[in-house]
């Protein structure tokens, strides 16, 4: 599995988890600021950076530059910045739970 495929599976799992909680999500927004998912619910907004590891590898850490970029962009938009870390199996299935960390 390529790094892009691993990341895509992770983003899909994180998006599905947010949508299950009532969030409207956009993935791969191609906006600056290390954002993989933009989510909205009512007047609240989230920017989410997703880090995915292919078992047995853990998800990578967010770099200081990525954290700075996403928190800066979130602050400018009045959103919350979050990190979602998860692991997937060889078929792209979610292994365990998604670890959510608020960044700002």
C-alpha atoms as a PDB file:
ATOM      1  CA  UNK A   1       0.000   0.000   0.000  1.00  0.00           C
ATOM      2  CA  UNK A   2       1.375   3.425  -0.919  1.00  0.00           C
ATOM      3  CA  UNK A   3       1.602   6.278   1.605  1.00  0.00           C
ATOM      4  CA  UNK A   4      -1.156   8.095  -0.325  1.00  0.00           C
ATOM      5  CA  UNK A   5      -3.451   5.061  -0.067  1.00  0.00           C
ATOM      6  CA  UNK A   6      -2.739   4.729   3.666  1.00  0.00           C
ATOM      7  CA  UNK A   7      -3.559   8.411   4.160  1.00  0.00           C
ATOM      8  CA  UNK A   8      -6.724   8.136   2.087  1.00  0.00           C
ATOM      9  CA  UNK A   9      -8.018   5.242   4.192  1.00  0.00           C
ATOM     10  CA  UNK A  10      -7.264   7.181   7.374  1.00  0.00           C
ATOM     11  CA  UNK A  11      -9.084  10.258   6.133  1.00  0.00           C
ATOM     12  CA  UNK A  12     -12.112   8.161   5.169  1.00  0.00           C
ATOM     13  CA  UNK A  13     -12.276   6.574   8.633  1.00  0.00           C
ATOM     14  CA  UNK A  14     -11.915   9.941  10.404  1.00  0.00           C
ATOM     15  CA  UNK A  15     -14.546  11.498   8.118  1.00  0.00           C
ATOM     16  CA  UNK A  16     -16.971   8.633   8.793  1.00  0.00           C
ATOM     17  CA  UNK A  17     -16.481   9.038  12.558  1.00  0.00           C
ATOM     18  CA  UNK A  18     -17.252  12.762  12.346  1.00  0.00           C
ATOM     19  CA  UNK A  19     -20.267  12.238  10.082  1.00  0.00           C
ATOM     20  CA  UNK A  20     -21.626   9.648  12.539  1.00  0.00           C
ATOM     21  CA  UNK A  21     -21.628  12.472  15.101  1.00  0.00           C
ATOM     22  CA  UNK A  22     -23.560  14.814  12.794  1.00  0.00           C
ATOM     23  CA  UNK A  23     -20.698  16.797  11.219  1.00  0.00           C
ATOM     24  CA  UNK A  24     -20.761  17.846   7.563  1.00  0.00           C
ATOM     25  CA  UNK A  25     -17.293  17.093   6.187  1.00  0.00           C
ATOM     26  CA  UNK A  26     -15.102  17.943   3.231  1.00  0.00           C
ATOM     27  CA  UNK A  27     -11.929  15.943   2.647  1.00  0.00           C
ATOM     28  CA  UNK A  28      -8.806  16.887   0.723  1.00  0.00           C
ATOM     29  CA  UNK A  29      -9.656  20.554   0.688  1.00  0.00           C
ATOM     30  CA  UNK A  30      -6.254  21.469  -0.796  1.00  0.00           C
ATOM     31  CA  UNK A  31      -6.266  24.549   1.395  1.00  0.00           C
ATOM     32  CA  UNK A  32      -3.028  25.686   3.018  1.00  0.00           C
ATOM     33  CA  UNK A  33      -2.615  24.848   6.661  1.00  0.00           C
ATOM     34  CA  UNK A  34      -2.116  21.072   6.939  1.00  0.00           C
ATOM     35  CA  UNK A  35      -5.825  20.334   6.815  1.00  0.00           C
ATOM     36  CA  UNK A  36      -7.133  16.947   5.683  1.00  0.00           C
ATOM     37  CA  UNK A  37     -10.769  17.451   6.752  1.00  0.00           C
ATOM     38  CA  UNK A  38     -12.946  20.506   7.267  1.00  0.00           C
ATOM     39  CA  UNK A  39     -16.035  19.771   9.341  1.00  0.00           C
ATOM     40  CA  UNK A  40     -19.012  21.938  10.276  1.00  0.00           C
ATOM     41  CA  UNK A  41     -21.912  21.478  12.635  1.00  0.00           C
ATOM     42  CA  UNK A  42     -24.189  24.439  13.227  1.00  0.00           C
ATOM     43  CA  UNK A  43     -21.944  27.435  13.841  1.00  0.00           C
ATOM     44  CA  UNK A  44     -18.951  25.315  14.915  1.00  0.00           C
ATOM     45  CA  UNK A  45     -16.075  24.343  12.640  1.00  0.00           C
ATOM     46  CA  UNK A  46     -13.180  21.909  12.852  1.00  0.00           C
ATOM     47  CA  UNK A  47      -9.968  21.537  10.894  1.00  0.00           C
ATOM     48  CA  UNK A  48      -8.530  18.036  11.208  1.00  0.00           C
ATOM     49  CA  UNK A  49      -5.078  16.708  10.381  1.00  0.00           C
ATOM     50  CA  UNK A  50      -5.162  12.908  10.007  1.00  0.00           C
ATOM     51  CA  UNK A  51      -2.124  10.710  10.647  1.00  0.00           C
ATOM     52  CA  UNK A  52      -2.439   7.035   9.747  1.00  0.00           C
ATOM     53  CA  UNK A  53      -0.175   4.072  10.406  1.00  0.00           C
ATOM     54  CA  UNK A  54      -0.323   0.713   8.632  1.00  0.00           C
ATOM     55  CA  UNK A  55      -0.189  -2.040  11.274  1.00  0.00           C
ATOM     56  CA  UNK A  56       2.246  -2.788  12.858  1.00  0.00           C
ATOM     57  CA  UNK A  57       3.483   0.793  12.444  1.00  0.00           C
ATOM     58  CA  UNK A  58       2.012   3.471  14.708  1.00  0.00           C
ATOM     59  CA  UNK A  59       0.590   6.624  13.172  1.00  0.00           C
ATOM     60  CA  UNK A  60       3.231   9.294  12.656  1.00  0.00           C
ATOM     61  CA  UNK A  61       3.388  12.351  14.872  1.00  0.00           C
ATOM     62  CA  UNK A  62       2.315  15.738  13.648  1.00  0.00           C
ATOM     63  CA  UNK A  63       5.309  17.925  12.831  1.00  0.00           C
ATOM     64  CA  UNK A  64       5.759  21.283  14.563  1.00  0.00           C
ATOM     65  CA  UNK A  65       5.241  23.001  11.187  1.00  0.00           C
ATOM     66  CA  UNK A  66       1.998  21.087  10.514  1.00  0.00           C
ATOM     67  CA  UNK A  67       0.715  21.916  13.996  1.00  0.00           C
ATOM     68  CA  UNK A  68       1.598  25.585  13.588  1.00  0.00           C
ATOM     69  CA  UNK A  69      -0.067  25.719  10.146  1.00  0.00           C
ATOM     70  CA  UNK A  70      -3.340  24.057  11.143  1.00  0.00           C
ATOM     71  CA  UNK A  71      -3.705  25.965  14.418  1.00  0.00           C
ATOM     72  CA  UNK A  72      -2.988  29.268  12.686  1.00  0.00           C
ATOM     73  CA  UNK A  73      -5.527  28.592   9.958  1.00  0.00           C
ATOM     74  CA  UNK A  74      -8.113  27.372  12.485  1.00  0.00           C
ATOM     75  CA  UNK A  75      -7.655  30.480  14.623  1.00  0.00           C
ATOM     76  CA  UNK A  76      -8.066  32.731  11.584  1.00  0.00           C
ATOM     77  CA  UNK A  77     -11.332  30.958  10.682  1.00  0.00           C
ATOM     78  CA  UNK A  78     -12.663  30.727  14.249  1.00  0.00           C
ATOM     79  CA  UNK A  79     -12.432  26.916  14.090  1.00  0.00           C
ATOM     80  CA  UNK A  80     -10.935  24.296  16.381  1.00  0.00           C
ATOM     81  CA  UNK A  81      -7.843  22.409  15.201  1.00  0.00           C
ATOM     82  CA  UNK A  82      -7.709  18.654  15.819  1.00  0.00           C
ATOM     83  CA  UNK A  83      -5.346  15.759  15.194  1.00  0.00           C
ATOM     84  CA  UNK A  84      -6.795  12.323  14.416  1.00  0.00           C
ATOM     85  CA  UNK A  85      -4.341   9.415  14.715  1.00  0.00           C
ATOM     86  CA  UNK A  86      -5.294   5.892  13.743  1.00  0.00           C
ATOM     87  CA  UNK A  87      -4.053   2.564  12.455  1.00  0.00           C
ATOM     88  CA  UNK A  88      -5.361   0.529   9.559  1.00  0.00           C
ATOM     89  CA  UNK A  89      -4.899  -3.084   8.504  1.00  0.00           C
ATOM     90  CA  UNK A  90      -3.713  -4.437   5.157  1.00  0.00           C
ATOM     91  CA  UNK A  91      -7.213  -4.125   3.667  1.00  0.00           C
ATOM     92  CA  UNK A  92      -7.690  -0.545   4.879  1.00  0.00           C
ATOM     93  CA  UNK A  93      -9.845  -1.531   7.842  1.00  0.00           C
ATOM     94  CA  UNK A  94      -9.699   0.533  11.021  1.00  0.00           C
ATOM     95  CA  UNK A  95      -7.716  -1.178  13.785  1.00  0.00           C
ATOM     96  CA  UNK A  96      -8.645   0.011  17.261  1.00  0.00           C
ATOM     97  CA  UNK A  97     -10.000   3.458  18.007  1.00  0.00           C
ATOM     98  CA  UNK A  98      -9.194   6.842  16.537  1.00  0.00           C
ATOM     99  CA  UNK A  99      -7.167   8.978  18.940  1.00  0.00           C
ATOM    100  CA  UNK A 100      -8.448  12.580  18.818  1.00  0.00           C
ATOM    101  CA  UNK A 101      -6.278  15.418  20.160  1.00  0.00           C
ATOM    102  CA  UNK A 102      -7.329  19.062  20.270  1.00  0.00           C
ATOM    103  CA  UNK A 103      -4.496  21.285  19.044  1.00  0.00           C
ATOM    104  CA  UNK A 104      -5.766  24.784  19.959  1.00  0.00           C
END
